[in-house]
All heavy atoms as atom14 arrays in JSON, in Angstrom:
{
  "sequence": "RNAMGSYAGQLNAGDRWRVAMYVMNAFKGGMTPASSGAA",
  "atom14_mask": [
    [1, 1, 1, 1, 1, 1, 1, 1, 1, 1, 1, 0, 0, 0],
    [1, 1, 1, 1, 1, 1, 1, 1, 0, 0, 0, 0, 0, 0],
    [1, 1, 1, 1, 1, 0, 0, 0, 0, 0, 0, 0, 0, 0],
    [1, 1, 1, 1, 1, 1, 1, 1, 0, 0, 0, 0, 0, 0],
    [1, 1, 1, 1, 0, 0, 0, 0, 0, 0, 0, 0, 0, 0],
    [1, 1, 1, 1, 1, 1, 0, 0, 0, 0, 0, 0, 0, 0],
    [1, 1, 1, 1, 1, 1, 1, 1, 1, 1, 1, 1, 0, 0],
    [1, 1, 1, 1, 1, 0, 0, 0, 0, 0, 0, 0, 0, 0],
    [1, 1, 1, 1, 0, 0, 0, 0, 0, 0, 0, 0, 0, 0],
    [1, 1, 1, 1, 1, 1, 1, 1, 1, 0, 0, 0, 0, 0],
    [1, 1, 1, 1, 1, 1, 1, 1, 0, 0, 0, 0, 0, 0],
    [1, 1, 1, 1, 1, 1, 1, 1, 0, 0, 0, 0, 0, 0],
    [1, 1, 1, 1, 1, 0, 0, 0, 0, 0, 0, 0, 0, 0],
    [1, 1, 1, 1, 0, 0, 0, 0, 0, 0, 0, 0, 0, 0],
    [1, 1, 1, 1, 1, 1, 1, 1, 0, 0, 0, 0, 0, 0],
    [1, 1, 1, 1, 1, 1, 1, 1, 1, 1, 1, 0, 0, 0],
    [1, 1, 1, 1, 1, 1, 1, 1, 1, 1, 1, 1, 1, 1],
    [1, 1, 1, 1, 1, 1, 1, 1, 1, 1, 1, 0, 0, 0],
    [1, 1, 1, 1, 1, 1, 1, 0, 0, 0, 0, 0, 0, 0],
    [1, 1, 1, 1, 1, 0, 0, 0, 0, 0, 0, 0, 0, 0],
    [1, 1, 1, 1, 1, 1, 1, 1, 0, 0, 0, 0, 0, 0],
    [1, 1, 1, 1, 1, 1, 1, 1, 1, 1, 1, 1, 0, 0],
    [1, 1, 1, 1, 1, 1, 1, 0, 0, 0, 0, 0, 0, 0],
    [1, 1, 1, 1, 1, 1, 1, 1, 0, 0, 0, 0, 0, 0],
    [1, 1, 1, 1, 1, 1, 1, 1, 0, 0, 0, 0, 0, 0],
    [1, 1, 1, 1, 1, 0, 0, 0, 0, 0, 0, 0, 0, 0],
    [1, 1, 1, 1, 1, 1, 1, 1, 1, 1, 1, 0, 0, 0],
    [1, 1, 1, 1, 1, 1, 1, 1, 1, 0, 0, 0, 0, 0],
    [1, 1, 1, 1, 0, 0, 0, 0, 0, 0, 0, 0, 0, 0],
    [1, 1, 1, 1, 0, 0, 0, 0, 0, 0, 0, 0, 0, 0],
    [1, 1, 1, 1, 1, 1, 1, 1, 0, 0, 0, 0, 0, 0],
    [1, 1, 1, 1, 1, 1, 1, 0, 0, 0, 0, 0, 0, 0],
    [1, 1, 1, 1, 1, 1, 1, 0, 0, 0, 0, 0, 0, 0],
    [1, 1, 1, 1, 1, 0, 0, 0, 0, 0, 0, 0, 0, 0],
    [1, 1, 1, 1, 1, 1, 0, 0, 0, 0, 0, 0, 0, 0],
    [1, 1, 1, 1, 1, 1, 0, 0, 0, 0, 0, 0, 0, 0],
    [1, 1, 1, 1, 0, 0, 0, 0, 0, 0, 0, 0, 0, 0],
    [1, 1, 1, 1, 1, 0, 0, 0, 0, 0, 0, 0, 0, 0],
    [1, 1, 1, 1, 1, 0, 0, 0, 0, 0, 0, 0, 0, 0]
  ],
  "atom14_positions": [
    [[0.86, -1.19, -0.02], [-0.02, -0.01, 0.0], [0.88, 1.25, 0.02], [1.78, 1.33, 0.74], [-0.92, 0.06, 1.21], [-1.93, 1.24, 1.16], [-3.03, 1.03, 2.22], [-3.99, 2.1, 2.21], [-5.0, 2.23, 1.32], [-5.13, 1.34, 0.37], [-5.82, 3.23, 1.39], [0.0, 0.0, 0.0], [0.0, 0.0, 0.0], [0.0, 0.0, 0.0]],
    [[0.53, 2.23, -0.85], [1.32, 3.42, -1.01], [2.75, 3.06, -1.25], [3.07, 2.4, -2.2], [1.14, 4.36, 0.22], [-0.25, 4.78, 0.42], [-1.01, 4.93, -0.58], [-0.78, 4.89, 1.66], [0.0, 0.0, 0.0], [0.0, 0.0, 0.0], [0.0, 0.0, 0.0], [0.0, 0.0, 0.0], [0.0, 0.0, 0.0], [0.0, 0.0, 0.0]],
    [[3.69, 3.55, -0.42], [5.11, 3.32, -0.67], [5.56, 1.92, -0.21], [6.7, 1.49, -0.53], [5.94, 4.42, 0.11], [0.0, 0.0, 0.0], [0.0, 0.0, 0.0], [0.0, 0.0, 0.0], [0.0, 0.0, 0.0], [0.0, 0.0, 0.0], [0.0, 0.0, 0.0], [0.0, 0.0, 0.0], [0.0, 0.0, 0.0], [0.0, 0.0, 0.0]],
    [[4.78, 1.19, 0.53], [5.11, -0.08, 1.01], [4.73, -1.17, -0.05], [3.63, -1.21, -0.54], [4.33, -0.45, 2.3], [4.61, -1.86, 2.83], [3.7, -2.14, 4.3], [3.66, -3.94, 4.4], [0.0, 0.0, 0.0], [0.0, 0.0, 0.0], [0.0, 0.0, 0.0], [0.0, 0.0, 0.0], [0.0, 0.0, 0.0], [0.0, 0.0, 0.0]],
    [[5.72, -1.98, -0.37], [5.53, -3.09, -1.29], [4.89, -4.31, -0.7], [4.8, -4.37, 0.52], [0.0, 0.0, 0.0], [0.0, 0.0, 0.0], [0.0, 0.0, 0.0], [0.0, 0.0, 0.0], [0.0, 0.0, 0.0], [0.0, 0.0, 0.0], [0.0, 0.0, 0.0], [0.0, 0.0, 0.0], [0.0, 0.0, 0.0], [0.0, 0.0, 0.0]],
    [[4.53, -5.28, -1.5], [3.97, -6.49, -1.0], [5.11, -7.32, -0.28], [6.22, -7.39, -0.74], [3.4, -7.31, -2.15], [3.13, -8.66, -1.77], [0.0, 0.0, 0.0], [0.0, 0.0, 0.0], [0.0, 0.0, 0.0], [0.0, 0.0, 0.0], [0.0, 0.0, 0.0], [0.0, 0.0, 0.0], [0.0, 0.0, 0.0], [0.0, 0.0, 0.0]],
    [[4.68, -7.99, 0.82], [5.57, -8.89, 1.53], [5.11, -10.33, 1.35], [5.45, -11.23, 2.16], [5.67, -8.52, 2.98], [6.66, -7.49, 3.19], [6.47, -6.11, 2.89], [7.92, -7.73, 3.74], [7.4, -5.13, 3.08], [8.91, -6.75, 3.95], [8.62, -5.45, 3.55], [9.53, -4.45, 3.8], [0.0, 0.0, 0.0], [0.0, 0.0, 0.0]],
    [[4.27, -10.55, 0.37], [3.79, -11.97, 0.07], [4.96, -12.9, -0.22], [4.83, -14.14, -0.03], [2.74, -11.96, -1.07], [0.0, 0.0, 0.0], [0.0, 0.0, 0.0], [0.0, 0.0, 0.0], [0.0, 0.0, 0.0], [0.0, 0.0, 0.0], [0.0, 0.0, 0.0], [0.0, 0.0, 0.0], [0.0, 0.0, 0.0], [0.0, 0.0, 0.0]],
    [[6.0, -12.35, -0.81], [7.17, -13.2, -1.11], [8.02, -13.5, 0.06], [8.83, -14.43, 0.07], [0.0, 0.0, 0.0], [0.0, 0.0, 0.0], [0.0, 0.0, 0.0], [0.0, 0.0, 0.0], [0.0, 0.0, 0.0], [0.0, 0.0, 0.0], [0.0, 0.0, 0.0], [0.0, 0.0, 0.0], [0.0, 0.0, 0.0], [0.0, 0.0, 0.0]],
    [[7.95, -12.66, 1.06], [8.79, -12.86, 2.33], [8.09, -13.68, 3.39], [8.69, -14.26, 4.2], [9.19, -11.49, 2.88], [10.19, -10.78, 2.0], [9.63, -9.98, 0.85], [8.38, -10.08, 0.61], [10.41, -9.17, 0.15], [0.0, 0.0, 0.0], [0.0, 0.0, 0.0], [0.0, 0.0, 0.0], [0.0, 0.0, 0.0], [0.0, 0.0, 0.0]],
    [[6.73, -13.62, 3.43], [5.96, -14.29, 4.49], [4.91, -15.14, 3.83], [4.18, -14.83, 2.93], [5.28, -13.28, 5.39], [6.19, -12.27, 6.14], [5.29, -11.17, 6.69], [7.01, -13.03, 7.19], [0.0, 0.0, 0.0], [0.0, 0.0, 0.0], [0.0, 0.0, 0.0], [0.0, 0.0, 0.0], [0.0, 0.0, 0.0], [0.0, 0.0, 0.0]],
    [[4.93, -16.48, 4.33], [3.88, -17.35, 3.73], [2.46, -17.01, 4.23], [2.31, -16.1, 5.08], [4.27, -18.82, 4.06], [4.28, -19.12, 5.57], [3.37, -18.65, 6.28], [5.28, -19.94, 6.03], [0.0, 0.0, 0.0], [0.0, 0.0, 0.0], [0.0, 0.0, 0.0], [0.0, 0.0, 0.0], [0.0, 0.0, 0.0], [0.0, 0.0, 0.0]],
    [[1.53, -17.75, 3.73], [0.12, -17.43, 4.04], [-0.18, -17.33, 5.5], [-0.73, -16.3, 6.0], [-0.8, -18.47, 3.37], [0.0, 0.0, 0.0], [0.0, 0.0, 0.0], [0.0, 0.0, 0.0], [0.0, 0.0, 0.0], [0.0, 0.0, 0.0], [0.0, 0.0, 0.0], [0.0, 0.0, 0.0], [0.0, 0.0, 0.0], [0.0, 0.0, 0.0]],
    [[0.22, -18.37, 6.28], [-0.12, -18.29, 7.71], [0.68, -17.23, 8.46], [0.13, -16.54, 9.37], [0.0, 0.0, 0.0], [0.0, 0.0, 0.0], [0.0, 0.0, 0.0], [0.0, 0.0, 0.0], [0.0, 0.0, 0.0], [0.0, 0.0, 0.0], [0.0, 0.0, 0.0], [0.0, 0.0, 0.0], [0.0, 0.0, 0.0], [0.0, 0.0, 0.0]],
    [[1.94, -17.05, 8.08], [2.72, -16.01, 8.8], [2.27, -14.56, 8.51], [2.46, -13.74, 9.41], [4.21, -16.19, 8.35], [4.87, -17.38, 9.02], [4.27, -17.9, 9.99], [5.9, -17.8, 8.62], [0.0, 0.0, 0.0], [0.0, 0.0, 0.0], [0.0, 0.0, 0.0], [0.0, 0.0, 0.0], [0.0, 0.0, 0.0], [0.0, 0.0, 0.0]],
    [[1.72, -14.34, 7.35], [1.16, -12.96, 7.09], [0.0, -12.72, 8.07], [-0.09, -11.58, 8.62], [0.56, -12.91, 5.65], [1.73, -12.97, 4.66], [1.26, -12.45, 3.27], [0.39, -13.42, 2.67], [0.81, -14.42, 1.87], [2.03, -14.62, 1.7], [-0.1, -15.2, 1.34], [0.0, 0.0, 0.0], [0.0, 0.0, 0.0], [0.0, 0.0, 0.0]],
    [[-0.8, -13.76, 8.31], [-1.84, -13.58, 9.38], [-1.31, -13.41, 10.77], [-1.87, -12.64, 11.53], [-2.9, -14.69, 9.29], [-3.82, -14.56, 8.1], [-3.74, -15.3, 6.96], [-4.87, -13.72, 8.03], [-4.79, -14.89, 6.15], [-5.48, -13.91, 6.72], [-5.41, -12.68, 8.83], [-6.61, -13.15, 6.38], [-6.51, -11.94, 8.45], [-7.08, -12.23, 7.17]],
    [[-0.23, -14.15, 11.06], [0.4, -14.06, 12.38], [0.88, -12.63, 12.66], [0.77, -12.06, 13.75], [1.46, -15.1, 12.57], [0.9, -16.51, 12.57], [2.02, -17.55, 12.73], [1.48, -18.85, 12.84], [1.32, -19.7, 11.8], [1.78, -19.34, 10.59], [0.77, -20.93, 11.95], [0.0, 0.0, 0.0], [0.0, 0.0, 0.0], [0.0, 0.0, 0.0]],
    [[1.48, -12.03, 11.56], [2.01, -10.7, 11.78], [0.81, -9.68, 11.97], [0.9, -8.83, 12.86], [2.85, -10.23, 10.6], [3.16, -8.74, 10.6], [4.12, -11.06, 10.51], [0.0, 0.0, 0.0], [0.0, 0.0, 0.0], [0.0, 0.0, 0.0], [0.0, 0.0, 0.0], [0.0, 0.0, 0.0], [0.0, 0.0, 0.0], [0.0, 0.0, 0.0]],
    [[-0.24, -9.89, 11.22], [-1.4, -8.99, 11.27], [-2.01, -9.18, 12.73], [-2.47, -8.19, 13.31], [-2.4, -9.36, 10.23], [0.0, 0.0, 0.0], [0.0, 0.0, 0.0], [0.0, 0.0, 0.0], [0.0, 0.0, 0.0], [0.0, 0.0, 0.0], [0.0, 0.0, 0.0], [0.0, 0.0, 0.0], [0.0, 0.0, 0.0], [0.0, 0.0, 0.0]],
    [[-2.1, -10.36, 13.13], [-2.62, -10.62, 14.51], [-1.82, -9.95, 15.57], [-2.33, -9.25, 16.48], [-2.69, -12.14, 14.79], [-3.71, -12.86, 13.97], [-3.47, -14.66, 14.15], [-3.69, -14.93, 15.87], [0.0, 0.0, 0.0], [0.0, 0.0, 0.0], [0.0, 0.0, 0.0], [0.0, 0.0, 0.0], [0.0, 0.0, 0.0], [0.0, 0.0, 0.0]],
    [[-0.53, -9.98, 15.45], [0.39, -9.34, 16.43], [0.21, -7.86, 16.37], [0.18, -7.14, 17.42], [1.81, -9.73, 16.14], [2.76, -8.98, 16.98], [2.92, -9.27, 18.34], [3.55, -7.9, 16.47], [3.75, -8.46, 19.18], [4.4, -7.12, 17.29], [4.52, -7.47, 18.62], [5.3, -6.67, 19.46], [0.0, 0.0, 0.0], [0.0, 0.0, 0.0]],
    [[0.11, -7.23, 15.23], [-0.03, -5.82, 15.12], [-1.32, -5.39, 15.8], [-1.28, -4.36, 16.6], [-0.11, -5.43, 13.58], [-0.59, -3.96, 13.48], [1.25, -5.52, 12.94], [0.0, 0.0, 0.0], [0.0, 0.0, 0.0], [0.0, 0.0, 0.0], [0.0, 0.0, 0.0], [0.0, 0.0, 0.0], [0.0, 0.0, 0.0], [0.0, 0.0, 0.0]],
    [[-2.43, -6.09, 15.58], [-3.66, -5.72, 16.24], [-3.61, -5.88, 17.7], [-4.08, -5.08, 18.5], [-4.82, -6.5, 15.66], [-5.08, -6.22, 14.22], [-5.48, -4.49, 13.86], [-7.01, -4.36, 14.77], [0.0, 0.0, 0.0], [0.0, 0.0, 0.0], [0.0, 0.0, 0.0], [0.0, 0.0, 0.0], [0.0, 0.0, 0.0], [0.0, 0.0, 0.0]],
    [[-3.0, -6.98, 18.14], [-2.9, -7.32, 19.59], [-1.92, -6.36, 20.3], [-2.23, -5.94, 21.48], [-2.35, -8.77, 19.79], [-2.47, -9.25, 21.22], [-3.56, -9.39, 21.74], [-1.35, -9.41, 21.91], [0.0, 0.0, 0.0], [0.0, 0.0, 0.0], [0.0, 0.0, 0.0], [0.0, 0.0, 0.0], [0.0, 0.0, 0.0], [0.0, 0.0, 0.0]],
    [[-0.83, -6.03, 19.7], [0.12, -5.23, 20.42], [-0.07, -3.72, 20.29], [0.21, -2.99, 21.21], [1.57, -5.49, 19.86], [0.0, 0.0, 0.0], [0.0, 0.0, 0.0], [0.0, 0.0, 0.0], [0.0, 0.0, 0.0], [0.0, 0.0, 0.0], [0.0, 0.0, 0.0], [0.0, 0.0, 0.0], [0.0, 0.0, 0.0], [0.0, 0.0, 0.0]],
    [[-0.61, -3.27, 19.22], [-0.76, -1.82, 18.92], [-2.17, -1.29, 18.85], [-2.34, -0.08, 18.76], [0.03, -1.49, 17.64], [1.45, -2.01, 17.61], [1.82, -2.77, 16.49], [2.23, -1.91, 18.65], [3.08, -3.36, 16.48], [3.62, -2.42, 18.66], [3.95, -3.18, 17.51], [0.0, 0.0, 0.0], [0.0, 0.0, 0.0], [0.0, 0.0, 0.0]],
    [[-3.18, -2.12, 18.78], [-4.52, -1.72, 18.64], [-5.49, -2.25, 19.73], [-6.64, -2.2, 19.6], [-5.1, -2.1, 17.27], [-4.38, -1.43, 16.11], [-4.54, 0.1, 16.06], [-6.04, 0.41, 15.65], [-6.09, 1.96, 15.57], [0.0, 0.0, 0.0], [0.0, 0.0, 0.0], [0.0, 0.0, 0.0], [0.0, 0.0, 0.0], [0.0, 0.0, 0.0]],
    [[-4.89, -2.73, 20.78], [-5.72, -3.18, 21.86], [-6.32, -4.49, 21.85], [-7.21, -4.85, 22.69], [0.0, 0.0, 0.0], [0.0, 0.0, 0.0], [0.0, 0.0, 0.0], [0.0, 0.0, 0.0], [0.0, 0.0, 0.0], [0.0, 0.0, 0.0], [0.0, 0.0, 0.0], [0.0, 0.0, 0.0], [0.0, 0.0, 0.0], [0.0, 0.0, 0.0]],
    [[-5.91, -5.36, 20.93], [-6.46, -6.7, 20.79], [-7.2, -7.0, 19.55], [-7.32, -6.13, 18.71], [0.0, 0.0, 0.0], [0.0, 0.0, 0.0], [0.0, 0.0, 0.0], [0.0, 0.0, 0.0], [0.0, 0.0, 0.0], [0.0, 0.0, 0.0], [0.0, 0.0, 0.0], [0.0, 0.0, 0.0], [0.0, 0.0, 0.0], [0.0, 0.0, 0.0]],
    [[-7.63, -8.24, 19.4], [-8.38, -8.58, 18.21], [-9.29, -9.82, 18.58], [-9.19, -10.37, 19.58], [-7.42, -9.06, 17.1], [-6.47, -10.16, 17.48], [-5.74, -11.0, 16.08], [-7.19, -11.94, 15.55], [0.0, 0.0, 0.0], [0.0, 0.0, 0.0], [0.0, 0.0, 0.0], [0.0, 0.0, 0.0], [0.0, 0.0, 0.0], [0.0, 0.0, 0.0]],
    [[-10.22, -10.07, 17.66], [-11.21, -11.16, 17.87], [-10.6, -12.49, 17.28], [-10.28, -12.49, 16.08], [-12.49, -10.81, 17.1], [-12.95, -9.57, 17.58], [-13.51, -11.89, 17.42], [0.0, 0.0, 0.0], [0.0, 0.0, 0.0], [0.0, 0.0, 0.0], [0.0, 0.0, 0.0], [0.0, 0.0, 0.0], [0.0, 0.0, 0.0], [0.0, 0.0, 0.0]],
    [[-10.51, -13.48, 18.08], [-10.04, -14.78, 17.54], [-11.02, -15.36, 16.64], [-12.3, -15.16, 16.81], [-9.74, -15.59, 18.82], [-10.72, -15.07, 19.79], [-10.76, -13.61, 19.51], [0.0, 0.0, 0.0], [0.0, 0.0, 0.0], [0.0, 0.0, 0.0], [0.0, 0.0, 0.0], [0.0, 0.0, 0.0], [0.0, 0.0, 0.0], [0.0, 0.0, 0.0]],
    [[-10.69, -16.27, 15.7], [-11.61, -16.94, 14.83], [-12.44, -17.98, 15.68], [-11.85, -18.67, 16.45], [-10.83, -17.67, 13.74], [0.0, 0.0, 0.0], [0.0, 0.0, 0.0], [0.0, 0.0, 0.0], [0.0, 0.0, 0.0], [0.0, 0.0, 0.0], [0.0, 0.0, 0.0], [0.0, 0.0, 0.0], [0.0, 0.0, 0.0], [0.0, 0.0, 0.0]],
    [[-13.73, -17.92, 15.48], [-14.58, -18.8, 16.32], [-15.09, -20.01, 15.48], [-15.56, -21.04, 16.0], [-15.76, -18.08, 16.79], [-16.47, -17.5, 15.69], [0.0, 0.0, 0.0], [0.0, 0.0, 0.0], [0.0, 0.0, 0.0], [0.0, 0.0, 0.0], [0.0, 0.0, 0.0], [0.0, 0.0, 0.0], [0.0, 0.0, 0.0], [0.0, 0.0, 0.0]],
    [[-14.89, -19.96, 14.19], [-15.32, -21.06, 13.29], [-14.58, -20.98, 11.97], [-13.76, -20.12, 11.81], [-16.86, -21.02, 13.0], [-17.14, -19.82, 12.24], [0.0, 0.0, 0.0], [0.0, 0.0, 0.0], [0.0, 0.0, 0.0], [0.0, 0.0, 0.0], [0.0, 0.0, 0.0], [0.0, 0.0, 0.0], [0.0, 0.0, 0.0], [0.0, 0.0, 0.0]],
    [[-14.96, -21.9, 11.06], [-14.27, -21.87, 9.73], [-14.78, -20.74, 8.88], [-14.31, -20.55, 7.83], [0.0, 0.0, 0.0], [0.0, 0.0, 0.0], [0.0, 0.0, 0.0], [0.0, 0.0, 0.0], [0.0, 0.0, 0.0], [0.0, 0.0, 0.0], [0.0, 0.0, 0.0], [0.0, 0.0, 0.0], [0.0, 0.0, 0.0], [0.0, 0.0, 0.0]],
    [[-15.77, -19.91, 9.29], [-16.34, -18.93, 8.53], [-15.32, -17.83, 8.2], [-15.29, -17.25, 7.2], [-17.57, -18.27, 9.26], [0.0, 0.0, 0.0], [0.0, 0.0, 0.0], [0.0, 0.0, 0.0], [0.0, 0.0, 0.0], [0.0, 0.0, 0.0], [0.0, 0.0, 0.0], [0.0, 0.0, 0.0], [0.0, 0.0, 0.0], [0.0, 0.0, 0.0]],
    [[-14.46, -17.57, 9.25], [-13.48, -16.57, 9.06], [-12.48, -16.97, 7.99], [-12.05, -16.09, 7.19], [-12.68, -16.26, 10.33], [0.0, 0.0, 0.0], [0.0, 0.0, 0.0], [0.0, 0.0, 0.0], [0.0, 0.0, 0.0], [0.0, 0.0, 0.0], [0.0, 0.0, 0.0], [0.0, 0.0, 0.0], [0.0, 0.0, 0.0], [0.0, 0.0, 0.0]]
  ]
}
């Protein structure tokens, strides 16, 4: 986004979500865990 390039080549599918989860948990006050396969 904007000046930041894609990191899909550096992080695999699961790890991209792990980083996103950490960002929300550490810097945005938490996040909602997945409750089912719907997510």
